C-alpha cells in the first residue's frame, strides 16, 4: 500500500468519526475552520493512547476525541478547577461536567483533572501520557506569565517519545509579547521557544489550520472573528463571518527519548 493511499484511508476514517451522533450541528459547522480530522491525523491520535486535552472549554474537541478513541484508551480533560477564584472558570467547568453527564457511555473513558497554571499543574502522572493537546490556549496563559509553567507541565506528563500538539492563533513574527496578549494572536517563534525551553523538539509544522483571509488586524483582536464576533453592526458581522475563524499554527513537538 502506497503512502498516498494510506494517508487517504486515514483521513477518510477520521472524517467518518467527525460526523457522529454525539456532536451538535453547530459544532460540526466549525469543522470547516478547525479541520479536526486532518489535525488529529497530523498529531497521530490512536484509540489505545492516553491523551490529555488541555482546557477543553465547552468540549468541542472532546466530542471528537472521545469518538476517535472509541473507548479503548484514556482521555484526560485537564479543565479549570471547580474551586477556581475565576467565576468564568467555575461556570465553564460545571457546564462541561453537565455535558459529560448527559452522555456517560460516550465518555466512559474520560477522566477530569484540574489545570490552572501556575498553581494546578497535575494533568497526568509523570511520563504517562502519549499525547498532550492544546487548542487555542497559549495566549490565555500569557496574561499571567504562566505560559512556560504550562509547557513544563506538558513535558512532565508526557512519556519519552510522546507528542505535544499545539494549535494557536498565529501572529506575525513582528509582534511583541504585549501585542500577543492584547490581540490573542501568538507568534510561532514564541510558541517554539516555550516548547524548546521545556525540553521539546519541534518535529513538524502544518498549514492545516491556516486562513489567508485573516489579516490579524482587527478592532478587538482575534475575538472580532467567529465564533466570538465581538463587533457591532450587521455589516461588520457579515464582514468578519466572511473571513472565518483565525489563521492558526499547527505544531507537533516530541519529548525526546531518555539518553
C-alpha atoms as a PDB file:
ATOM      1  CA  UNK A   1       0.000   0.000   0.000  1.00  0.00           C
ATOM      2  CA  UNK A   2       1.450   3.378  -1.056  1.00  0.00           C
ATOM      3  CA  UNK A   3       1.841   6.353   1.259  1.00  0.00           C
ATOM      4  CA  UNK A   4      -0.774   8.349  -0.666  1.00  0.00           C
ATOM      5  CA  UNK A   5      -3.352   5.577  -0.367  1.00  0.00           C
ATOM      6  CA  UNK A   6      -2.630   5.092   3.323  1.00  0.00           C
ATOM      7  CA  UNK A   7      -2.959   8.821   4.007  1.00  0.00           C
ATOM      8  CA  UNK A   8      -6.300   8.882   2.178  1.00  0.00           C
ATOM      9  CA  UNK A   9      -7.602   5.968   4.245  1.00  0.00           C
ATOM     10  CA  UNK A  10      -6.520   7.617   7.497  1.00  0.00           C
ATOM     11  CA  UNK A  11      -8.201  10.908   6.651  1.00  0.00           C
ATOM     12  CA  UNK A  12     -11.351   9.201   5.323  1.00  0.00           C
ATOM     13  CA  UNK A  13     -11.649   7.140   8.513  1.00  0.00           C
ATOM     14  CA  UNK A  14     -11.163  10.262  10.608  1.00  0.00           C
ATOM     15  CA  UNK A  15     -13.762  12.179   8.604  1.00  0.00           C
ATOM     16  CA  UNK A  16     -16.273   9.442   9.322  1.00  0.00           C
ATOM     17  CA  UNK A  17     -15.584   9.887  13.025  1.00  0.00           C
ATOM     18  CA  UNK A  18     -16.214  13.649  12.764  1.00  0.00           C
ATOM     19  CA  UNK A  19     -19.881  13.112  11.881  1.00  0.00           C
ATOM     20  CA  UNK A  20     -21.276  11.297  14.877  1.00  0.00           C
ATOM     21  CA  UNK A  21     -24.470  11.435  16.892  1.00  0.00           C
ATOM     22  CA  UNK A  22     -22.706  12.992  19.879  1.00  0.00           C
ATOM     23  CA  UNK A  23     -21.885  16.215  18.056  1.00  0.00           C
ATOM     24  CA  UNK A  24     -24.257  19.133  17.581  1.00  0.00           C
ATOM     25  CA  UNK A  25     -24.896  20.593  14.130  1.00  0.00           C
ATOM     26  CA  UNK A  26     -23.489  23.894  15.371  1.00  0.00           C
ATOM     27  CA  UNK A  27     -20.228  22.243  16.427  1.00  0.00           C
ATOM     28  CA  UNK A  28     -19.882  20.398  13.140  1.00  0.00           C
ATOM     29  CA  UNK A  29     -20.205  23.708  11.264  1.00  0.00           C
ATOM     30  CA  UNK A  30     -16.875  24.706  12.835  1.00  0.00           C
ATOM     31  CA  UNK A  31     -15.114  21.760  11.135  1.00  0.00           C
ATOM     32  CA  UNK A  32     -14.503  23.870   8.028  1.00  0.00           C
ATOM     33  CA  UNK A  33     -12.238  26.115  10.106  1.00  0.00           C
ATOM     34  CA  UNK A  34     -10.810  23.675  12.658  1.00  0.00           C
ATOM     35  CA  UNK A  35     -10.222  20.629  10.406  1.00  0.00           C
ATOM     36  CA  UNK A  36     -10.425  18.077  13.227  1.00  0.00           C
ATOM     37  CA  UNK A  37      -9.925  15.000  11.054  1.00  0.00           C
ATOM     38  CA  UNK A  38      -6.724  16.266   9.481  1.00  0.00           C
ATOM     39  CA  UNK A  39      -5.481  17.795  12.731  1.00  0.00           C
ATOM     40  CA  UNK A  40      -5.850  14.622  14.796  1.00  0.00           C
ATOM     41  CA  UNK A  41      -4.275  12.603  11.995  1.00  0.00           C
ATOM     42  CA  UNK A  42      -1.331  15.034  11.980  1.00  0.00           C
ATOM     43  CA  UNK A  43      -0.936  14.533  15.750  1.00  0.00           C
ATOM     44  CA  UNK A  44      -1.190  10.742  15.223  1.00  0.00           C
ATOM     45  CA  UNK A  45      -4.012  10.132  17.711  1.00  0.00           C
ATOM     46  CA  UNK A  46      -4.678   6.416  18.148  1.00  0.00           C
ATOM     47  CA  UNK A  47      -7.570   4.744  20.060  1.00  0.00           C
ATOM     48  CA  UNK A  48      -5.389   2.947  22.608  1.00  0.00           C
ATOM     49  CA  UNK A  49      -3.421   6.015  23.692  1.00  0.00           C
ATOM     50  CA  UNK A  50      -3.578   8.139  26.824  1.00  0.00           C
ATOM     51  CA  UNK A  51      -4.459  11.592  25.537  1.00  0.00           C
ATOM     52  CA  UNK A  52      -4.623  14.778  27.613  1.00  0.00           C
ATOM     53  CA  UNK A  53      -6.711  17.642  26.277  1.00  0.00           C
ATOM     54  CA  UNK A  54      -5.774  20.940  27.921  1.00  0.00           C
ATOM     55  CA  UNK A  55      -8.566  23.368  28.803  1.00  0.00           C
ATOM     56  CA  UNK A  56     -11.326  21.756  26.707  1.00  0.00           C
ATOM     57  CA  UNK A  57     -13.779  24.593  27.416  1.00  0.00           C
ATOM     58  CA  UNK A  58     -17.206  23.519  26.198  1.00  0.00           C
ATOM     59  CA  UNK A  59     -15.876  20.214  24.888  1.00  0.00           C
ATOM     60  CA  UNK A  60     -15.758  20.907  21.158  1.00  0.00           C
ATOM     61  CA  UNK A  61     -12.673  18.774  20.613  1.00  0.00           C
ATOM     62  CA  UNK A  62     -13.574  16.436  23.482  1.00  0.00           C
ATOM     63  CA  UNK A  63     -16.540  15.190  21.456  1.00  0.00           C
ATOM     64  CA  UNK A  64     -14.277  14.349  18.532  1.00  0.00           C
ATOM     65  CA  UNK A  65     -11.526  12.808  20.638  1.00  0.00           C
ATOM     66  CA  UNK A  66     -13.957  10.555  22.514  1.00  0.00           C
ATOM     67  CA  UNK A  67     -15.295   9.222  19.214  1.00  0.00           C
ATOM     68  CA  UNK A  68     -11.819   8.852  17.709  1.00  0.00           C
ATOM     69  CA  UNK A  69     -10.554   6.870  20.697  1.00  0.00           C
ATOM     70  CA  UNK A  70     -13.668   4.695  20.726  1.00  0.00           C
ATOM     71  CA  UNK A  71     -13.482   3.824  24.432  1.00  0.00           C
ATOM     72  CA  UNK A  72     -10.164   1.985  24.053  1.00  0.00           C
ATOM     73  CA  UNK A  73      -7.668   4.390  25.587  1.00  0.00           C
ATOM     74  CA  UNK A  74      -7.813   7.056  28.261  1.00  0.00           C
ATOM     75  CA  UNK A  75      -8.913  10.598  27.576  1.00  0.00           C
ATOM     76  CA  UNK A  76      -7.985  13.142  30.242  1.00  0.00           C
ATOM     77  CA  UNK A  77      -9.675  16.534  30.225  1.00  0.00           C
ATOM     78  CA  UNK A  78      -7.437  18.980  32.083  1.00  0.00           C
ATOM     79  CA  UNK A  79     -10.102  21.584  32.797  1.00  0.00           C
ATOM     80  CA  UNK A  80     -10.441  24.636  35.025  1.00  0.00           C
ATOM     81  CA  UNK A  81     -10.576  23.765  38.748  1.00  0.00           C
ATOM     82  CA  UNK A  82     -14.016  23.626  40.339  1.00  0.00           C
ATOM     83  CA  UNK A  83     -12.761  25.846  43.157  1.00  0.00           C
ATOM     84  CA  UNK A  84     -11.019  28.417  40.956  1.00  0.00           C
ATOM     85  CA  UNK A  85     -11.178  32.053  42.036  1.00  0.00           C
ATOM     86  CA  UNK A  86     -12.266  32.939  38.494  1.00  0.00           C
ATOM     87  CA  UNK A  87     -16.061  32.853  38.088  1.00  0.00           C
ATOM     88  CA  UNK A  88     -15.849  32.076  34.381  1.00  0.00           C
ATOM     89  CA  UNK A  89     -13.607  29.076  35.081  1.00  0.00           C
ATOM     90  CA  UNK A  90     -16.030  27.640  37.638  1.00  0.00           C
ATOM     91  CA  UNK A  91     -19.029  28.078  35.337  1.00  0.00           C
ATOM     92  CA  UNK A  92     -17.207  26.560  32.387  1.00  0.00           C
ATOM     93  CA  UNK A  93     -16.124  23.531  34.418  1.00  0.00           C
ATOM     94  CA  UNK A  94     -19.671  22.928  35.659  1.00  0.00           C
ATOM     95  CA  UNK A  95     -21.116  23.230  32.153  1.00  0.00           C
ATOM     96  CA  UNK A  96     -18.539  20.752  30.897  1.00  0.00           C
ATOM     97  CA  UNK A  97     -19.391  18.268  33.646  1.00  0.00           C
ATOM     98  CA  UNK A  98     -23.104  18.650  32.887  1.00  0.00           C
ATOM     99  CA  UNK A  99     -22.424  17.931  29.228  1.00  0.00           C
ATOM    100  CA  UNK A 100     -20.423  14.802  30.045  1.00  0.00           C
ATOM    101  CA  UNK A 101     -23.046  13.502  32.465  1.00  0.00           C
ATOM    102  CA  UNK A 102     -25.692  13.547  29.705  1.00  0.00           C
ATOM    103  CA  UNK A 103     -23.654  11.117  27.573  1.00  0.00           C
ATOM    104  CA  UNK A 104     -21.843   8.966  30.109  1.00  0.00           C
ATOM    105  CA  UNK A 105     -21.431   5.994  27.777  1.00  0.00           C
ATOM    106  CA  UNK A 106     -19.731   8.136  25.150  1.00  0.00           C
ATOM    107  CA  UNK A 107     -17.298   9.499  27.740  1.00  0.00           C
ATOM    108  CA  UNK A 108     -16.796   6.354  29.798  1.00  0.00           C
ATOM    109  CA  UNK A 109     -13.004   6.560  29.446  1.00  0.00           C
ATOM    110  CA  UNK A 110     -12.834  10.254  30.322  1.00  0.00           C
ATOM    111  CA  UNK A 111     -11.049  11.475  33.453  1.00  0.00           C
ATOM    112  CA  UNK A 112     -11.181  15.063  34.702  1.00  0.00           C
ATOM    113  CA  UNK A 113      -8.124  16.848  36.067  1.00  0.00           C
ATOM    114  CA  UNK A 114      -7.556  20.398  37.300  1.00  0.00           C
ATOM    115  CA  UNK A 115      -5.277  22.727  35.363  1.00  0.00           C
ATOM    116  CA  UNK A 116      -4.783  26.395  36.173  1.00  0.00           C
ATOM    117  CA  UNK A 117      -1.156  27.475  35.859  1.00  0.00           C
ATOM    118  CA  UNK A 118       0.898  28.402  37.720  1.00  0.00           C
ATOM    119  CA  UNK A 119      -0.755  26.524  40.622  1.00  0.00           C
ATOM    120  CA  UNK A 120      -2.805  23.479  39.476  1.00  0.00           C
ATOM    121  CA  UNK A 121      -0.470  21.554  37.172  1.00  0.00           C
ATOM    122  CA  UNK A 122      -1.011  17.824  37.737  1.00  0.00           C
ATOM    123  CA  UNK A 123      -2.602  16.939  34.388  1.00  0.00           C
ATOM    124  CA  UNK A 124      -1.402  13.314  34.474  1.00  0.00           C
ATOM    125  CA  UNK A 125       1.076  11.077  36.251  1.00  0.00           C
ATOM    126  CA  UNK A 126       4.664  11.861  35.249  1.00  0.00           C
ATOM    127  CA  UNK A 127       5.700  10.247  31.947  1.00  0.00           C
ATOM    128  CA  UNK A 128       2.290   8.595  31.490  1.00  0.00           C
ATOM    129  CA  UNK A 129       0.657  10.384  28.544  1.00  0.00           C
ATOM    130  CA  UNK A 130       1.128   9.523  24.874  1.00  0.00           C
ATOM    131  CA  UNK A 131      -0.257  12.848  23.681  1.00  0.00           C
ATOM    132  CA  UNK A 132      -0.930  16.263  25.167  1.00  0.00           C
ATOM    133  CA  UNK A 133      -3.077  18.553  23.018  1.00  0.00           C
ATOM    134  CA  UNK A 134      -3.860  22.225  23.414  1.00  0.00           C
ATOM    135  CA  UNK A 135      -6.156  24.152  21.106  1.00  0.00           C
ATOM    136  CA  UNK A 136      -6.072  27.987  21.133  1.00  0.00           C
ATOM    137  CA  UNK A 137      -4.915  28.383  24.737  1.00  0.00           C
ATOM    138  CA  UNK A 138      -1.367  29.750  24.771  1.00  0.00           C
ATOM    139  CA  UNK A 139      -2.464  33.398  24.659  1.00  0.00           C
ATOM    140  CA  UNK A 140      -4.566  32.852  27.795  1.00  0.00           C
ATOM    141  CA  UNK A 141      -1.586  31.705  29.867  1.00  0.00           C
ATOM    142  CA  UNK A 142       0.386  34.736  28.736  1.00  0.00           C
ATOM    143  CA  UNK A 143      -1.997  37.001  30.646  1.00  0.00           C
ATOM    144  CA  UNK A 144      -0.461  35.949  33.954  1.00  0.00           C
ATOM    145  CA  UNK A 145       3.001  34.951  32.710  1.00  0.00           C
ATOM    146  CA  UNK A 146       2.302  31.245  33.196  1.00  0.00           C
ATOM    147  CA  UNK A 147       2.926  30.017  29.650  1.00  0.00           C
ATOM    148  CA  UNK A 148       6.331  28.491  30.407  1.00  0.00           C
ATOM    149  CA  UNK A 149       4.995  26.766  33.500  1.00  0.00           C
ATOM    150  CA  UNK A 150       2.255  25.257  31.336  1.00  0.00           C
ATOM    151  CA  UNK A 151       4.700  23.867  28.754  1.00  0.00           C
ATOM    152  CA  UNK A 152       6.886  22.481  31.538  1.00  0.00           C
ATOM    153  CA  UNK A 153       3.830  20.617  32.884  1.00  0.00           C
ATOM    154  CA  UNK A 154       3.132  19.148  29.446  1.00  0.00           C
ATOM    155  CA  UNK A 155       6.709  17.883  29.213  1.00  0.00           C
ATOM    156  CA  UNK A 156       6.497  16.294  32.648  1.00  0.00           C
ATOM    157  CA  UNK A 157       3.238  14.455  31.844  1.00  0.00           C
ATOM    158  CA  UNK A 158       4.362  13.001  28.514  1.00  0.00           C
ATOM    159  CA  UNK A 159       6.176   9.722  28.066  1.00  0.00           C
ATOM    160  CA  UNK A 160       9.584   9.866  26.379  1.00  0.00           C
ATOM    161  CA  UNK A 161       8.664   9.709  22.704  1.00  0.00           C
ATOM    162  CA  UNK A 162       5.296  11.349  23.414  1.00  0.00           C
ATOM    163  CA  UNK A 163       3.869  14.162  21.315  1.00  0.00           C
ATOM    164  CA  UNK A 164       2.699  17.653  22.232  1.00  0.00           C
ATOM    165  CA  UNK A 165       0.226  19.062  19.709  1.00  0.00           C
ATOM    166  CA  UNK A 166      -0.366  22.816  19.666  1.00  0.00           C
ATOM    167  CA  UNK A 167      -2.939  24.763  17.668  1.00  0.00           C
ATOM    168  CA  UNK A 168      -2.867  28.519  18.299  1.00  0.00           C
ATOM    169  CA  UNK A 169      -3.956  31.795  16.728  1.00  0.00           C
ATOM    170  CA  UNK A 170      -0.926  32.882  14.698  1.00  0.00           C
ATOM    171  CA  UNK A 171       0.531  36.378  14.997  1.00  0.00           C
ATOM    172  CA  UNK A 172       3.038  37.929  12.621  1.00  0.00           C
ATOM    173  CA  UNK A 173       6.646  37.306  13.675  1.00  0.00           C
ATOM    174  CA  UNK A 174       6.991  41.031  14.374  1.00  0.00           C
ATOM    175  CA  UNK A 175       4.527  41.036  17.303  1.00  0.00           C
ATOM    176  CA  UNK A 176       5.999  41.686  20.727  1.00  0.00           C
ATOM    177  CA  UNK A 177       4.695  39.936  23.841  1.00  0.00           C
ATOM    178  CA  UNK A 178       2.267  42.703  24.787  1.00  0.00           C
ATOM    179  CA  UNK A 179       0.779  42.727  21.290  1.00  0.00           C
ATOM    180  CA  UNK A 180       0.265  38.971  21.603  1.00  0.00           C
ATOM    181  CA  UNK A 181      -1.526  39.329  24.926  1.00  0.00           C
ATOM    182  CA  UNK A 182      -3.712  42.187  23.694  1.00  0.00           C
ATOM    183  CA  UNK A 183      -4.663  40.596  20.371  1.00  0.00           C
ATOM    184  CA  UNK A 184      -4.917  36.913  21.304  1.00  0.00           C
ATOM    185  CA  UNK A 185      -2.534  36.075  18.451  1.00  0.00           C
ATOM    186  CA  UNK A 186       0.817  34.468  19.300  1.00  0.00           C
ATOM    187  CA  UNK A 187       3.876  34.345  17.049  1.00  0.00           C
ATOM    188  CA  UNK A 188       5.053  30.874  16.056  1.00  0.00           C
ATOM    189  CA  UNK A 189       8.618  31.665  17.132  1.00  0.00           C
ATOM    190  CA  UNK A 190       7.418  32.283  20.676  1.00  0.00           C
ATOM    191  CA  UNK A 191       5.478  29.007  20.952  1.00  0.00           C
ATOM    192  CA  UNK A 192       8.500  27.136  19.606  1.00  0.00           C
ATOM    193  CA  UNK A 193      10.716  28.929  22.118  1.00  0.00           C
ATOM    194  CA  UNK A 194       8.443  27.923  25.027  1.00  0.00           C
ATOM    195  CA  UNK A 195       8.392  24.308  23.877  1.00  0.00           C
ATOM    196  CA  UNK A 196      12.164  24.099  23.399  1.00  0.00           C
ATOM    197  CA  UNK A 197      12.806  25.651  26.812  1.00  0.00           C
ATOM    198  CA  UNK A 198      10.597  22.933  28.327  1.00  0.00           C
ATOM    199  CA  UNK A 199      12.734  20.275  26.601  1.00  0.00           C
ATOM    200  CA  UNK A 200      10.720  19.550  23.450  1.00  0.00           C
ATOM    201  CA  UNK A 201      11.986  19.164  19.907  1.00  0.00           C
ATOM    202  CA  UNK A 202       9.939  20.569  17.025  1.00  0.00           C
ATOM    203  CA  UNK A 203       9.022  17.662  14.751  1.00  0.00           C
ATOM    204  CA  UNK A 204       6.813  19.270  12.158  1.00  0.00           C
ATOM    205  CA  UNK A 205       4.506  22.170  11.403  1.00  0.00           C
ATOM    206  CA  UNK A 206       1.384  22.113   9.265  1.00  0.00           C
ATOM    207  CA  UNK A 207      -0.780  24.638   7.448  1.00  0.00           C
ATOM    208  CA  UNK A 208      -3.936  22.580   8.078  1.00  0.00           C
ATOM    209  CA  UNK A 209      -5.500  25.389  10.086  1.00  0.00           C
ATOM    210  CA  UNK A 210      -4.156  28.350   8.124  1.00  0.00           C
ATOM    211  CA  UNK A 211      -6.501  31.132   6.959  1.00  0.00           C
ATOM    212  CA  UNK A 212      -5.001  33.559   4.444  1.00  0.00           C
ATOM    213  CA  UNK A 213      -8.034  35.853   4.751  1.00  0.00           C
ATOM    214  CA  UNK A 214      -7.136  36.715   8.344  1.00  0.00           C
ATOM    215  CA  UNK A 215      -5.136  39.974   8.425  1.00  0.00           C
ATOM    216  CA  UNK A 216      -4.616  39.752  12.238  1.00  0.00           C
ATOM    217  CA  UNK A 217      -5.524  43.458  12.390  1.00  0.00           C
ATOM    218  CA  UNK A 218      -8.979  43.689  13.964  1.00  0.00           C
ATOM    219  CA  UNK A 219     -10.537  46.171  16.420  1.00  0.00           C
ATOM    220  CA  UNK A 220     -10.976  43.555  19.127  1.00  0.00           C
ATOM    221  CA  UNK A 221      -8.160  41.191  18.257  1.00  0.00           C
ATOM    222  CA  UNK A 222      -8.901  37.581  17.488  1.00  0.00           C
ATOM    223  CA  UNK A 223     -12.201  37.895  19.335  1.00  0.00           C
ATOM    224  CA  UNK A 224     -13.506  40.033  16.468  1.00  0.00           C
ATOM    225  CA  UNK A 225     -13.687  36.906  14.323  1.00  0.00           C
ATOM    226  CA  UNK A 226     -16.072  33.946  14.610  1.00  0.00           C
ATOM    227  CA  UNK A 227     -17.160  32.323  16.767  1.00  0.00           C
ATOM    228  CA  UNK A 228     -16.926  35.228  19.273  1.00  0.00           C
ATOM    229  CA  UNK A 229     -17.745  38.095  16.864  1.00  0.00           C
ATOM    230  CA  UNK A 230     -17.036  40.831  19.410  1.00  0.00           C
ATOM    231  CA  UNK A 231     -18.161  43.549  16.998  1.00  0.00           C
ATOM    232  CA  UNK A 232     -21.255  45.707  16.460  1.00  0.00           C
ATOM    233  CA  UNK A 233     -23.227  46.273  13.295  1.00  0.00           C
ATOM    234  CA  UNK A 234     -24.728  43.782  10.850  1.00  0.00           C
ATOM    235  CA  UNK A 235     -22.375  44.803   8.052  1.00  0.00           C
ATOM    236  CA  UNK A 236     -19.345  44.284  10.294  1.00  0.00           C
ATOM    237  CA  UNK A 237     -20.634  40.906  11.442  1.00  0.00           C
ATOM    238  CA  UNK A 238     -21.072  39.809   7.830  1.00  0.00           C
ATOM    239  CA  UNK A 239     -17.590  41.078   7.014  1.00  0.00           C
ATOM    240  CA  UNK A 240     -15.892  39.078   9.750  1.00  0.00           C
ATOM    241  CA  UNK A 241     -18.022  35.987   9.185  1.00  0.00           C
ATOM    242  CA  UNK A 242     -16.760  36.045   5.605  1.00  0.00           C
ATOM    243  CA  UNK A 243     -13.182  35.922   6.891  1.00  0.00           C
ATOM    244  CA  UNK A 244     -13.958  32.920   9.069  1.00  0.00           C
ATOM    245  CA  UNK A 245     -12.044  31.791  12.139  1.00  0.00           C
ATOM    246  CA  UNK A 246      -8.467  32.863  12.781  1.00  0.00           C
ATOM    247  CA  UNK A 247      -5.299  31.910  10.975  1.00  0.00           C
ATOM    248  CA  UNK A 248      -3.680  29.214  13.134  1.00  0.00           C
ATOM    249  CA  UNK A 249      -0.367  27.481  13.513  1.00  0.00           C
ATOM    250  CA  UNK A 250      -0.390  23.705  13.988  1.00  0.00           C
ATOM    251  CA  UNK A 251       2.802  22.439  15.612  1.00  0.00           C
ATOM    252  CA  UNK A 252       3.939  18.958  16.631  1.00  0.00           C
ATOM    253  CA  UNK A 253       6.631  18.581  19.285  1.00  0.00           C
ATOM    254  CA  UNK A 254       8.467  15.494  20.563  1.00  0.00           C
ATOM    255  CA  UNK A 255       9.579  14.691  24.091  1.00  0.00           C
ATOM    256  CA  UNK A 256      12.899  13.007  23.319  1.00  0.00           C
ATOM    257  CA  UNK A 257      13.677   9.506  24.494  1.00  0.00           C
ATOM    258  CA  UNK A 258      15.801   9.402  27.629  1.00  0.00           C
ATOM    259  CA  UNK A 259      19.511   9.110  26.887  1.00  0.00           C
END
